[in-house]
Amino acid sequence: MSSMPSPARMPEAVTERSRRLSAIWLIPIAAVAIAAYLIWDTLSKQGPTIEITFETGEGLDPGKSQLKYKEIVFGTVKELRLNPDRSGVIVSIATTSQAAPLLIEGTVFWVVKPRLFAGNISGLDTILSGAYVSILPAEKPGKKQTSFKGQEDPPLLSAHVPGRTFLLKSKRIGSVSVGSPIFFRNLSVGEVLGWDIGDMAESVTIHAFVRAPYDAYVREQTRFWNASGISIKLGGAGLDIEMESMRAVLLGGIEFGTPARASGAAVAAENHVFPLFRDEETANAASYTRKITAVSYFPGSVRGLAPGSEVTMHGLKIGEITDVRLAYSPSLNAIIAPVRYEVQPERIVGVGQRIYANDEETVKALLKRGLRASIQSTSLITGQQSVALDFVENVPDVEMTQEGTDFVLPTTEGGGFAGLASSAADVLEKVNAIPFASIGRSLDGILVAVNDATKGPELKNALNDLSRTMASAQALVGQLEKNAGSASKRLPEISAELQRSLSNANKLILSIDDGYGRETKFNRDLARMMMESTDAVRSVRSLADLLQRNPEALVKGRAKGATE
């Protein structure tokens, strides 16, 4: 048997676990680290998700619309949904970490979109970029909050402007609206923020914001008045038109000022309450603190008098009427119309300070000097009237009486347009007193007498005699022409004929004298007619001259001391 060599034994591989980390693991480790960093970075930049309720979600688009403050993005709208009672839309916004400090109680949210609000056009930049939600942070620190009630209109103050808010009380708001400007010396220094209804809905409280440093000019004696629209007044200087600004005309406006004597008063505090007056004149009148109330009973009509009508002296306002109404007087057993008014003595320079110890002594002294009240018309167009106080000479003394706190002032006949109307009535009465009818009857009588005289036999006989005389004279002239030669022979006949002619002429003259002579009825009637006609013409001429020199005399009457 042959011997074969045995095969060599193969070596076995031995595996050992390496204690060194392979470089290939660096790639997944780096990926995990990057992912972790990104997750941390994303989570660190995320803020809380907030919910804001608006009436509508108009203009907002989930995933696109953003939350901005000072043009910095603080979040993105995630979702729009109806609230449970379907009264509005809940907008969910994922905010960034930068927004966290702003999400506190008192923060204001609104949707920025193109709009006209408070006289300003805003949000035009959103026409291309789309609407977004804007923030106005709370002025003071507050509690953290994630649920908010958004505003439909943007706040008037888009930032925390230094200044103070004052409260203006008024019976009615008039044309004042949110955003109406507030003026001081024709400068716009603030805005109306809004208003509240209070005192059982009997008044309106307007929140007026005045920016610094102008708020320092609002003092405790400052007056606020409505400066809205256009004021048109017809006075002695003509037509007076006042307008604050076009913005005040469109939106309404409020103006304030401080009387010179109150410039040293203390500066008004925040939320100080002021009355809002209807105009500047009323506001200035409110600065007069001393008032004397009075009442007068006028005998005639008080039509044209109303609360607010002026009380004047020498044509200048010193007070106003407070009440005009009908009342029954048991003592007179008649319906009367007492006119109650108040006088502000401080309007009269030198009288504002008390001269007498009290108002009673003041009124007594004025009544002793002849103080009387009268009604004067201030406008023929509107029929408006006023009460005028003046001192009348030679009037009987009256005792000072009071009705409660009101002093009773006696009255006198009115002047002004009422006086002119009375004068015009007097002129018309004088014109009516001219005996035009009597003059006409006299003229008629004279004409009848003349007509009767012309129809009488005396005038006819006289005319016939005159006609015969003229015929005789003509015949005589003819004979003289024909018989000039023998005229001298016939002179005696001619003389006799002339004598007869003169006799006939004398008869005619005597007849005319008897019928129409100086002492006849015809002559007396004719003379009376001429005298009356002359007087009538003179009266009419005098009236015409008076009216030509003073055309206003037809209304005012003849001035005292005037002559024809």
Protein backbone atom coordinates (compact mmCIF):
# COMPACT_ATOMS: atom_id res chain seq x y z
CA MET A 1 0.00 0.00 0.00
CA SER A 2 1.31 3.25 -1.08
CA SER A 3 1.55 5.91 1.41
CA MET A 4 -0.07 9.30 0.49
CA PRO A 5 0.93 12.51 2.18
CA SER A 6 -1.84 13.91 4.46
CA PRO A 7 -3.20 17.42 3.46
CA ALA A 8 -1.97 20.37 5.39
CA ARG A 9 -4.41 21.79 7.98
CA MET A 10 -5.77 25.23 7.08
CA PRO A 11 -5.44 27.99 9.71
CA GLU A 12 -8.71 29.22 11.34
CA ALA A 13 -9.59 32.94 11.33
CA VAL A 14 -10.05 34.47 14.70
CA THR A 15 -12.34 37.62 15.02
CA GLU A 16 -11.75 40.14 17.69
CA ARG A 17 -14.07 43.14 18.61
CA SER A 18 -12.29 46.40 17.96
CA ARG A 19 -12.23 48.88 20.77
CA ARG A 20 -11.92 51.88 18.41
CA LEU A 21 -14.96 53.74 16.98
CA SER A 22 -15.28 53.62 13.27
CA ALA A 23 -15.30 56.93 11.39
CA ILE A 24 -18.43 55.92 9.53
CA TRP A 25 -20.49 56.60 12.63
CA LEU A 26 -19.67 60.26 12.49
CA ILE A 27 -22.23 60.83 9.74
CA PRO A 28 -25.36 59.65 11.61
CA ILE A 29 -24.12 61.25 14.78
CA ALA A 30 -23.76 64.57 13.01
CA ALA A 31 -27.20 64.18 11.47
CA VAL A 32 -28.75 63.50 14.85
CA ALA A 33 -26.94 66.44 16.37
CA ILE A 34 -28.07 68.76 13.61
CA ALA A 35 -31.64 67.54 13.91
CA ALA A 36 -31.55 68.02 17.65
CA TYR A 37 -30.19 71.52 17.22
CA LEU A 38 -32.83 72.39 14.71
CA ILE A 39 -35.52 71.02 16.96
CA TRP A 40 -34.14 72.97 19.91
CA ASP A 41 -33.78 76.11 17.84
CA THR A 42 -37.32 75.80 16.53
CA LEU A 43 -38.77 75.09 19.93
CA SER A 44 -36.77 77.90 21.54
CA LYS A 45 -38.07 80.42 19.02
CA GLN A 46 -41.67 79.33 19.34
CA GLY A 47 -43.99 81.16 21.66
CA PRO A 48 -47.39 80.21 22.96
CA THR A 49 -50.32 79.75 20.62
CA ILE A 50 -52.86 82.49 21.25
CA GLU A 51 -56.50 82.87 20.28
CA ILE A 52 -58.02 86.23 19.31
CA THR A 53 -61.76 86.71 18.77
CA PHE A 54 -62.90 89.06 15.97
CA GLU A 55 -66.35 89.68 14.56
CA THR A 56 -65.13 88.50 11.16
CA GLY A 57 -62.06 86.92 9.64
CA GLU A 58 -62.10 89.19 6.59
CA GLY A 59 -58.70 89.45 4.91
CA LEU A 60 -56.98 86.80 7.08
CA ASP A 61 -55.50 83.69 5.38
CA PRO A 62 -54.22 80.71 7.49
CA GLY A 63 -50.54 80.04 6.90
CA LYS A 64 -49.99 83.43 5.23
CA SER A 65 -51.38 86.21 7.40
CA GLN A 66 -48.92 87.30 10.06
CA LEU A 67 -48.84 88.90 13.49
CA LYS A 68 -46.75 92.09 13.39
CA TYR A 69 -45.55 94.80 15.70
CA LYS A 70 -43.42 97.68 14.39
CA GLU A 71 -43.11 95.72 11.11
CA ILE A 72 -41.49 92.73 12.93
CA VAL A 73 -43.17 89.35 12.47
CA PHE A 74 -44.24 87.84 15.80
CA GLY A 75 -46.30 84.93 14.53
CA THR A 76 -48.42 83.38 11.79
CA VAL A 77 -52.14 82.69 11.60
CA LYS A 78 -52.69 78.92 11.91
CA GLU A 79 -56.45 78.52 11.88
CA LEU A 80 -59.79 80.35 11.63
CA ARG A 81 -62.91 78.88 13.25
CA LEU A 82 -66.27 79.99 14.54
CA ASN A 83 -66.66 80.45 18.26
CA PRO A 84 -69.22 78.25 19.99
CA ASP A 85 -72.08 80.78 19.92
CA ARG A 86 -71.30 81.75 16.27
CA SER A 87 -71.05 85.39 17.21
CA GLY A 88 -67.51 85.78 15.93
CA VAL A 89 -64.36 84.15 14.58
CA ILE A 90 -61.53 82.72 16.67
CA VAL A 91 -58.14 83.30 15.08
CA SER A 92 -55.38 80.93 16.28
CA ILE A 93 -51.88 82.38 15.93
CA ALA A 94 -48.59 80.57 16.53
CA THR A 95 -46.36 83.21 18.02
CA THR A 96 -42.60 83.47 18.38
CA SER A 97 -40.70 83.69 21.62
CA GLN A 98 -40.26 87.44 21.06
CA ALA A 99 -44.02 87.88 21.36
CA ALA A 100 -44.18 86.27 24.82
CA PRO A 101 -43.51 89.49 26.79
CA LEU A 102 -46.30 91.25 24.87
CA LEU A 103 -48.99 88.64 25.55
CA ILE A 104 -50.28 90.12 28.78
CA GLU A 105 -53.54 91.59 29.99
CA GLY A 106 -54.31 94.93 28.31
CA THR A 107 -52.64 94.19 24.96
CA VAL A 108 -54.76 95.32 22.01
CA PHE A 109 -55.09 93.40 18.72
CA TRP A 110 -56.74 94.52 15.47
CA VAL A 111 -56.68 93.59 11.80
CA VAL A 112 -54.77 95.97 9.55
CA LYS A 113 -56.47 96.42 6.19
CA PRO A 114 -57.33 99.36 3.92
CA ARG A 115 -59.86 101.57 5.71
CA LEU A 116 -61.00 105.15 6.34
CA PHE A 117 -61.19 105.73 10.07
CA ALA A 118 -61.23 108.93 12.14
CA GLY A 119 -60.61 111.00 9.05
CA ASN A 120 -57.43 109.10 8.12
CA ILE A 121 -56.77 106.51 5.41
CA SER A 122 -54.68 103.61 6.71
CA GLY A 123 -53.58 100.12 5.68
CA LEU A 124 -52.91 100.93 2.03
CA ASP A 125 -49.74 98.78 2.16
CA THR A 126 -51.90 95.68 2.68
CA ILE A 127 -53.42 95.97 -0.80
CA LEU A 128 -50.51 93.91 -2.20
CA SER A 129 -49.18 92.12 0.89
CA GLY A 130 -52.53 91.16 2.41
CA ALA A 131 -54.11 91.88 5.79
CA TYR A 132 -52.29 91.11 9.03
CA VAL A 133 -52.90 91.32 12.79
CA SER A 134 -51.21 94.18 14.60
CA ILE A 135 -50.39 94.64 18.29
CA LEU A 136 -50.48 97.56 20.69
CA PRO A 137 -48.74 96.38 23.91
CA ALA A 138 -50.27 97.15 27.27
CA GLU A 139 -48.99 100.29 28.93
CA LYS A 140 -48.51 98.62 32.31
CA PRO A 141 -47.28 95.11 33.24
CA GLY A 142 -50.02 92.54 33.69
CA LYS A 143 -50.85 88.85 33.87
CA LYS A 144 -49.87 86.43 31.13
CA GLN A 145 -52.74 85.74 28.78
CA THR A 146 -53.36 83.64 25.65
CA SER A 147 -56.99 84.51 24.90
CA PHE A 148 -57.87 88.03 23.73
CA LYS A 149 -60.79 90.05 22.40
CA GLY A 150 -59.72 91.88 19.25
CA GLN A 151 -60.86 95.37 18.17
CA GLU A 152 -62.63 95.93 14.89
CA ASP A 153 -61.16 99.44 14.53
CA PRO A 154 -57.55 100.40 15.15
CA PRO A 155 -56.79 102.41 18.31
CA LEU A 156 -56.53 106.15 17.80
CA LEU A 157 -53.12 106.19 19.45
CA SER A 158 -50.93 103.56 17.79
CA ALA A 159 -48.29 104.07 20.48
CA HIS A 160 -48.19 105.18 24.09
CA VAL A 161 -48.12 108.95 23.56
CA PRO A 162 -47.47 111.07 26.66
CA GLY A 163 -50.44 113.14 27.67
CA ARG A 164 -53.60 113.07 29.76
CA THR A 165 -57.23 112.18 29.23
CA PHE A 166 -59.98 114.53 30.45
CA LEU A 167 -63.70 113.86 30.78
CA LEU A 168 -66.15 116.26 29.13
CA LYS A 169 -69.80 116.16 30.16
CA SER A 170 -72.52 117.23 27.76
CA LYS A 171 -76.28 116.81 27.30
CA ARG A 172 -75.70 115.64 23.74
CA ILE A 173 -72.69 114.61 21.70
CA GLY A 174 -73.63 116.58 18.60
CA SER A 175 -71.27 116.13 15.66
CA VAL A 176 -68.32 115.00 17.80
CA SER A 177 -67.09 111.53 16.82
CA VAL A 178 -64.24 109.16 17.62
CA GLY A 179 -61.05 110.75 16.35
CA SER A 180 -62.44 114.30 16.35
CA PRO A 181 -59.55 116.73 16.83
CA ILE A 182 -59.05 118.84 19.95
CA PHE A 183 -57.74 122.36 19.30
CA PHE A 184 -55.82 124.85 21.38
CA ARG A 185 -55.14 128.22 19.76
CA ASN A 186 -56.01 126.64 16.36
CA LEU A 187 -53.43 123.87 16.89
CA SER A 188 -54.53 120.22 16.87
CA VAL A 189 -53.29 118.94 20.24
CA GLY A 190 -55.35 115.80 20.82
CA GLU A 191 -58.21 113.52 19.82
CA VAL A 192 -61.52 112.25 21.12
CA LEU A 193 -61.00 108.64 22.25
CA GLY A 194 -64.66 107.78 22.79
CA TRP A 195 -67.57 108.38 25.16
CA ASP A 196 -69.75 106.80 27.82
CA ILE A 197 -73.44 107.14 28.58
CA GLY A 198 -74.03 107.86 32.26
CA ASP A 199 -76.35 109.42 34.81
CA MET A 200 -79.36 107.35 33.73
CA ALA A 201 -78.65 108.26 30.07
CA GLU A 202 -79.15 111.97 30.85
CA SER A 203 -75.64 112.98 29.79
CA VAL A 204 -72.69 111.88 27.69
CA THR A 205 -69.12 111.72 29.01
CA ILE A 206 -66.56 112.29 26.27
CA HIS A 207 -62.99 111.04 26.73
CA ALA A 208 -60.69 113.75 25.38
CA PHE A 209 -56.97 113.05 25.14
CA VAL A 210 -54.55 116.00 25.08
CA ARG A 211 -50.94 115.30 24.16
CA ALA A 212 -47.98 116.58 26.12
CA PRO A 213 -46.82 119.30 26.51
CA TYR A 214 -50.19 120.89 25.68
CA ASP A 215 -51.91 119.05 28.53
CA ALA A 216 -50.14 121.43 30.92
CA TYR A 217 -52.34 124.25 29.54
CA VAL A 218 -55.50 122.51 30.75
CA ARG A 219 -56.23 124.06 34.12
CA GLU A 220 -59.10 123.71 36.54
CA GLN A 221 -60.75 126.88 35.16
CA THR A 222 -60.28 125.86 31.51
CA ARG A 223 -63.38 125.91 29.28
CA PHE A 224 -64.09 123.33 26.56
CA TRP A 225 -66.58 124.06 23.79
CA ASN A 226 -67.84 122.45 20.60
CA ALA A 227 -65.94 123.78 17.58
CA SER A 228 -67.69 121.62 14.98
CA GLY A 229 -69.09 122.80 11.67
CA ILE A 230 -69.44 126.37 10.43
CA SER A 231 -70.76 129.25 12.53
CA ILE A 232 -72.68 131.96 10.64
CA LYS A 233 -73.78 135.09 12.49
CA LEU A 234 -75.48 138.23 11.20
CA GLY A 235 -74.49 141.12 13.43
CA GLY A 236 -73.88 144.82 13.38
CA ALA A 237 -70.56 144.32 11.59
CA GLY A 238 -72.22 142.28 8.83
CA LEU A 239 -72.09 138.58 8.07
CA ASP A 240 -69.56 136.75 10.28
CA ILE A 241 -68.53 133.23 9.21
CA GLU A 242 -66.28 131.14 11.47
CA MET A 243 -64.79 127.74 10.68
CA GLU A 244 -62.15 125.95 12.75
CA SER A 245 -60.81 123.63 10.01
CA MET A 246 -62.06 121.38 7.25
CA ARG A 247 -61.33 118.36 9.44
CA ALA A 248 -63.45 119.84 12.22
CA VAL A 249 -66.25 120.47 9.71
CA LEU A 250 -66.20 116.82 8.57
CA LEU A 251 -65.45 115.05 11.87
CA GLY A 252 -66.48 117.60 14.47
CA GLY A 253 -64.04 119.15 16.89
CA ILE A 254 -63.53 120.47 20.41
CA GLU A 255 -61.54 123.54 21.44
CA PHE A 256 -60.41 124.70 24.86
CA GLY A 257 -59.07 127.87 26.39
CA THR A 258 -58.42 129.39 29.79
CA PRO A 259 -59.62 132.89 30.82
CA ALA A 260 -56.77 135.33 31.42
CA ARG A 261 -57.78 135.88 35.04
CA ALA A 262 -57.58 132.09 35.65
CA SER A 263 -54.18 131.53 34.05
CA GLY A 264 -52.66 130.97 37.47
CA ALA A 265 -55.05 128.17 38.42
CA ALA A 266 -53.75 124.69 39.17
CA VAL A 267 -53.12 122.27 36.29
CA ALA A 268 -56.02 119.83 35.91
CA ALA A 269 -55.40 116.24 36.94
CA GLU A 270 -55.97 113.11 34.86
CA ASN A 271 -59.69 112.39 34.25
CA HIS A 272 -60.74 115.80 35.57
CA VAL A 273 -64.38 116.46 34.63
CA PHE A 274 -65.23 119.58 32.59
CA PRO A 275 -68.56 120.70 31.11
CA LEU A 276 -68.68 120.86 27.31
CA PHE A 277 -70.32 124.12 26.15
CA ARG A 278 -72.17 124.47 22.86
CA ASP A 279 -69.99 127.35 21.56
CA GLU A 280 -67.22 129.74 22.55
CA GLU A 281 -69.60 132.52 23.55
CA THR A 282 -71.39 130.25 26.02
CA ALA A 283 -68.05 129.04 27.37
CA ASN A 284 -66.88 132.62 27.95
CA ALA A 285 -70.17 133.45 29.68
CA ALA A 286 -69.64 130.54 32.06
CA SER A 287 -66.54 132.24 33.41
CA TYR A 288 -68.78 134.88 35.05
CA THR A 289 -69.63 133.44 38.44
CA ARG A 290 -71.84 136.17 39.89
CA LYS A 291 -75.46 136.19 38.69
CA ILE A 292 -78.59 138.16 39.62
CA THR A 293 -81.89 136.52 38.70
CA ALA A 294 -84.91 138.65 37.81
CA VAL A 295 -88.42 138.41 36.38
CA SER A 296 -90.49 140.91 34.38
CA TYR A 297 -94.12 140.95 33.29
CA PHE A 298 -94.55 142.59 29.88
CA PRO A 299 -98.03 143.82 28.96
CA GLY A 300 -97.92 142.83 25.29
CA SER A 301 -96.83 139.81 23.30
CA VAL A 302 -93.58 138.07 24.21
CA ARG A 303 -93.35 136.26 20.88
CA GLY A 304 -89.70 135.90 19.87
CA LEU A 305 -88.40 135.48 23.43
CA ALA A 306 -87.03 132.05 24.35
CA PRO A 307 -84.54 130.52 26.79
CA GLY A 308 -81.11 131.61 25.65
CA SER A 309 -82.26 134.95 24.22
CA GLU A 310 -80.05 137.88 25.16
CA VAL A 311 -80.49 140.41 27.94
CA THR A 312 -78.77 143.61 26.82
CA MET A 313 -77.83 147.06 28.05
CA HIS A 314 -76.88 149.69 25.47
CA GLY A 315 -76.96 146.91 22.89
CA LEU A 316 -74.35 144.71 24.62
CA LYS A 317 -75.13 141.36 26.20
CA ILE A 318 -75.14 141.25 30.01
CA GLY A 319 -77.19 138.08 30.55
CA GLU A 320 -79.70 135.73 29.02
CA ILE A 321 -83.30 134.58 29.40
CA THR A 322 -83.74 131.37 31.37
CA ASP A 323 -87.49 130.75 31.12
CA VAL A 324 -90.58 132.03 29.28
CA ARG A 325 -93.94 130.41 29.92
CA LEU A 326 -97.62 131.12 30.55
CA ALA A 327 -98.94 131.24 34.10
CA TYR A 328 -102.23 132.03 35.83
CA SER A 329 -102.29 134.98 38.23
CA PRO A 330 -105.01 134.61 40.90
CA SER A 331 -104.62 138.26 41.94
CA LEU A 332 -105.22 139.52 38.40
CA ASN A 333 -107.50 136.64 37.42
CA ALA A 334 -105.70 136.53 34.08
CA ILE A 335 -103.13 134.56 32.11
CA ILE A 336 -99.71 136.23 32.23
CA ALA A 337 -96.33 135.48 30.68
CA PRO A 338 -93.50 135.99 33.20
CA VAL A 339 -90.07 136.30 31.59
CA ARG A 340 -87.27 135.10 33.85
CA TYR A 341 -83.66 135.97 33.15
CA GLU A 342 -80.29 136.28 34.80
CA VAL A 343 -77.88 139.22 34.70
CA GLN A 344 -74.12 138.80 35.01
CA PRO A 345 -72.78 142.01 36.61
CA GLU A 346 -69.18 140.99 35.92
CA ARG A 347 -69.79 141.78 32.24
CA ILE A 348 -69.90 145.46 33.19
CA VAL A 349 -66.42 146.78 33.91
CA GLY A 350 -66.28 148.27 37.39
CA VAL A 351 -69.56 146.68 38.48
CA GLY A 352 -68.35 143.10 38.74
CA GLN A 353 -67.00 143.84 42.17
CA ARG A 354 -69.70 144.47 44.75
CA ILE A 355 -70.42 148.16 45.27
CA TYR A 356 -73.21 147.49 47.75
CA ALA A 357 -73.36 145.04 50.59
CA ASN A 358 -75.70 142.61 48.83
CA ASP A 359 -77.83 142.16 45.72
CA GLU A 360 -80.94 143.57 47.40
CA GLU A 361 -79.31 146.95 48.00
CA THR A 362 -77.91 146.91 44.46
CA VAL A 363 -81.35 146.38 42.91
CA LYS A 364 -82.92 149.03 45.17
CA ALA A 365 -80.35 151.61 44.07
CA LEU A 366 -80.81 150.74 40.39
CA LEU A 367 -84.61 150.95 40.62
CA LYS A 368 -84.31 154.35 42.28
CA ARG A 369 -82.26 155.51 39.29
CA GLY A 370 -85.02 154.37 36.91
CA LEU A 371 -83.91 150.91 35.82
CA ARG A 372 -86.60 149.42 33.58
CA ALA A 373 -86.92 146.40 31.28
CA SER A 374 -88.33 146.48 27.77
CA ILE A 375 -88.64 144.16 24.80
CA GLN A 376 -86.62 144.98 21.69
CA SER A 377 -86.69 143.26 18.32
CA THR A 378 -83.27 142.08 17.19
CA SER A 379 -84.21 140.73 13.76
CA LEU A 380 -87.05 141.66 11.43
CA ILE A 381 -86.37 138.49 9.42
CA THR A 382 -86.58 135.90 12.20
CA GLY A 383 -88.74 137.89 14.63
CA GLN A 384 -86.26 137.23 17.44
CA GLN A 385 -86.48 139.59 20.41
CA SER A 386 -84.43 140.37 23.49
CA VAL A 387 -84.90 142.00 26.89
CA ALA A 388 -83.22 145.39 27.17
CA LEU A 389 -82.38 147.04 30.49
CA ASP A 390 -82.02 150.80 30.56
CA PHE A 391 -82.39 153.80 32.85
CA VAL A 392 -85.52 155.85 32.12
CA GLU A 393 -85.89 159.42 33.34
CA ASN A 394 -88.95 160.83 35.08
CA VAL A 395 -90.53 157.53 36.01
CA PRO A 396 -92.36 156.93 39.30
CA ASP A 397 -90.47 155.22 42.07
CA VAL A 398 -91.24 151.56 42.69
CA GLU A 399 -90.56 149.35 45.65
CA MET A 400 -88.17 146.44 45.33
CA THR A 401 -90.04 143.13 45.42
CA GLN A 402 -89.00 139.52 45.01
CA GLU A 403 -90.58 136.28 43.86
CA GLY A 404 -88.51 133.72 45.67
CA THR A 405 -84.93 134.52 44.68
CA ASP A 406 -85.97 136.51 41.57
CA PHE A 407 -86.12 140.32 41.69
CA VAL A 408 -89.18 141.81 39.99
CA LEU A 409 -88.07 144.51 37.53
CA PRO A 410 -90.75 146.90 36.20
CA THR A 411 -91.23 147.28 32.46
CA THR A 412 -91.52 150.16 30.05
CA GLU A 413 -92.52 150.62 26.43
CA GLY A 414 -90.20 148.78 24.07
CA GLY A 415 -87.77 150.40 21.70
CA GLY A 416 -85.79 149.14 18.75
CA PHE A 417 -87.86 147.74 15.91
CA ALA A 418 -90.91 147.66 18.14
CA GLY A 419 -90.52 151.42 18.66
CA LEU A 420 -90.07 151.89 14.94
CA ALA A 421 -93.26 150.01 14.29
CA SER A 422 -95.05 152.21 16.85
CA SER A 423 -93.65 155.35 15.19
CA ALA A 424 -94.76 154.08 11.81
CA ALA A 425 -98.23 153.52 13.23
CA ASP A 426 -98.25 157.11 14.57
CA VAL A 427 -97.26 158.46 11.14
CA LEU A 428 -100.02 156.44 9.51
CA GLU A 429 -102.49 157.75 12.09
CA LYS A 430 -101.45 161.33 11.26
CA VAL A 431 -101.82 160.67 7.56
CA ASN A 432 -105.22 159.12 8.18
CA ALA A 433 -106.18 162.19 10.24
CA ILE A 434 -105.87 164.48 7.18
CA PRO A 435 -109.52 165.30 6.18
CA PHE A 436 -109.24 164.12 2.61
CA ALA A 437 -112.97 163.33 2.57
CA SER A 438 -113.88 166.82 3.82
CA ILE A 439 -111.57 168.42 1.26
CA GLY A 440 -113.18 166.34 -1.45
CA ARG A 441 -116.64 167.32 -0.32
CA SER A 442 -115.64 171.02 -0.31
CA LEU A 443 -114.25 170.71 -3.82
CA ASP A 444 -117.44 169.01 -4.90
CA GLY A 445 -119.49 171.84 -3.35
CA ILE A 446 -117.40 174.49 -5.11
CA LEU A 447 -117.76 172.75 -8.45
CA VAL A 448 -121.52 172.40 -7.92
CA ALA A 449 -121.75 176.12 -7.07
CA VAL A 450 -119.79 177.05 -10.19
CA ASN A 451 -121.97 174.76 -12.27
CA ASP A 452 -125.15 176.28 -10.79
CA ALA A 453 -123.83 179.78 -11.40
CA THR A 454 -123.11 179.05 -15.04
CA LYS A 455 -126.64 177.75 -15.44
CA GLY A 456 -128.28 180.79 -13.71
CA PRO A 457 -130.15 183.58 -15.64
CA GLU A 458 -127.89 186.38 -14.43
CA LEU A 459 -124.85 185.03 -16.24
CA LYS A 460 -126.90 184.37 -19.36
CA ASN A 461 -128.31 187.95 -19.33
CA ALA A 462 -124.87 189.41 -18.75
CA LEU A 463 -123.48 187.45 -21.67
CA ASN A 464 -126.36 188.52 -23.89
CA ASP A 465 -125.82 192.20 -22.93
CA LEU A 466 -122.13 191.88 -23.62
CA SER A 467 -122.87 190.27 -26.95
CA ARG A 468 -125.17 193.14 -27.91
CA THR A 469 -122.60 195.67 -26.80
CA MET A 470 -119.95 194.08 -28.98
CA ALA A 471 -122.37 194.04 -31.90
CA SER A 472 -123.10 197.73 -31.37
CA ALA A 473 -119.41 198.52 -31.20
CA GLN A 474 -118.80 196.62 -34.42
CA ALA A 475 -121.65 198.47 -36.10
CA LEU A 476 -120.23 201.74 -34.87
CA VAL A 477 -116.82 200.94 -36.28
CA GLY A 478 -118.43 200.03 -39.61
CA GLN A 479 -120.33 203.22 -39.76
CA LEU A 480 -117.18 205.20 -38.93
CA GLU A 481 -115.37 203.51 -41.74
CA LYS A 482 -118.20 204.19 -44.23
CA ASN A 483 -119.05 207.66 -43.11
CA ALA A 484 -115.75 209.05 -42.00
CA GLY A 485 -116.58 212.25 -43.67
CA SER A 486 -119.85 212.75 -41.93
CA ALA A 487 -118.61 211.46 -38.60
CA SER A 488 -118.28 214.90 -37.18
CA LYS A 489 -121.93 215.60 -37.97
CA ARG A 490 -123.01 212.51 -36.13
CA LEU A 491 -120.89 212.96 -33.03
CA PRO A 492 -123.90 213.65 -30.79
CA GLU A 493 -125.51 210.40 -31.97
CA ILE A 494 -122.25 208.58 -31.51
CA SER A 495 -121.87 210.00 -28.03
CA ALA A 496 -125.38 208.93 -27.15
CA GLU A 497 -124.74 205.49 -28.56
CA LEU A 498 -121.54 205.19 -26.50
CA GLN A 499 -123.41 206.34 -23.45
CA ARG A 500 -125.95 203.58 -23.95
CA SER A 501 -123.13 201.07 -24.47
CA LEU A 502 -121.42 202.16 -21.25
CA SER A 503 -124.72 201.94 -19.46
CA ASN A 504 -125.23 198.41 -20.71
CA ALA A 505 -121.65 197.51 -19.73
CA ASN A 506 -122.22 198.91 -16.25
CA LYS A 507 -125.33 196.79 -15.95
CA LEU A 508 -123.33 193.75 -16.99
CA ILE A 509 -120.60 194.46 -14.47
CA LEU A 510 -123.12 195.04 -11.73
CA SER A 511 -124.83 191.82 -12.64
CA ILE A 512 -121.55 189.92 -12.52
CA ASP A 513 -120.62 191.60 -9.23
CA ASP A 514 -123.98 190.69 -7.74
CA GLY A 515 -123.59 187.05 -8.77
CA TYR A 516 -119.86 186.59 -8.28
CA GLY A 517 -118.66 189.60 -6.36
CA ARG A 518 -116.50 189.77 -3.25
CA GLU A 519 -119.36 189.36 -0.83
CA THR A 520 -121.26 186.69 -2.77
CA LYS A 521 -121.58 183.02 -1.73
CA PHE A 522 -119.67 181.93 -4.84
CA ASN A 523 -116.68 184.09 -3.94
CA ARG A 524 -116.67 182.84 -0.33
CA ASP A 525 -116.89 179.21 -1.42
CA LEU A 526 -114.12 179.73 -3.95
CA ALA A 527 -111.86 181.39 -1.37
CA ARG A 528 -112.52 178.61 1.16
CA MET A 529 -111.76 175.99 -1.52
CA MET A 530 -108.46 177.68 -2.39
CA MET A 531 -107.43 177.89 1.28
CA GLU A 532 -108.24 174.23 1.96
CA SER A 533 -106.52 173.15 -1.25
CA THR A 534 -103.46 175.17 -0.26
CA ASP A 535 -103.38 173.58 3.22
CA ALA A 536 -103.75 170.08 1.74
CA VAL A 537 -100.95 170.66 -0.77
CA ARG A 538 -98.75 172.14 1.98
CA SER A 539 -99.36 169.09 4.23
CA VAL A 540 -98.60 166.64 1.44
CA ARG A 541 -95.51 168.64 0.43
CA SER A 542 -94.29 168.74 4.05
CA LEU A 543 -94.78 164.98 4.39
CA ALA A 544 -92.97 164.36 1.09
CA ASP A 545 -90.04 166.62 2.13
CA LEU A 546 -89.79 164.87 5.51
CA LEU A 547 -89.72 161.43 3.89
CA GLN A 548 -87.23 162.61 1.27
CA ARG A 549 -84.82 163.92 3.95
CA ASN A 550 -85.41 161.07 6.40
CA PRO A 551 -86.81 157.99 4.63
CA GLU A 552 -86.48 156.02 7.87
CA ALA A 553 -89.06 158.35 9.47
CA LEU A 554 -91.79 156.23 7.90
CA VAL A 555 -90.65 153.49 10.35
CA LYS A 556 -89.05 155.48 13.21
CA GLY A 557 -91.27 158.56 13.22
CA ARG A 558 -90.18 162.18 13.38
CA ALA A 559 -87.14 162.74 15.61
CA LYS A 560 -87.52 164.95 18.66
CA GLY A 561 -86.89 168.60 17.86
CA ALA A 562 -87.25 168.12 14.09
CA THR A 563 -89.05 170.87 12.14
CA GLU A 564 -90.81 170.77 8.85
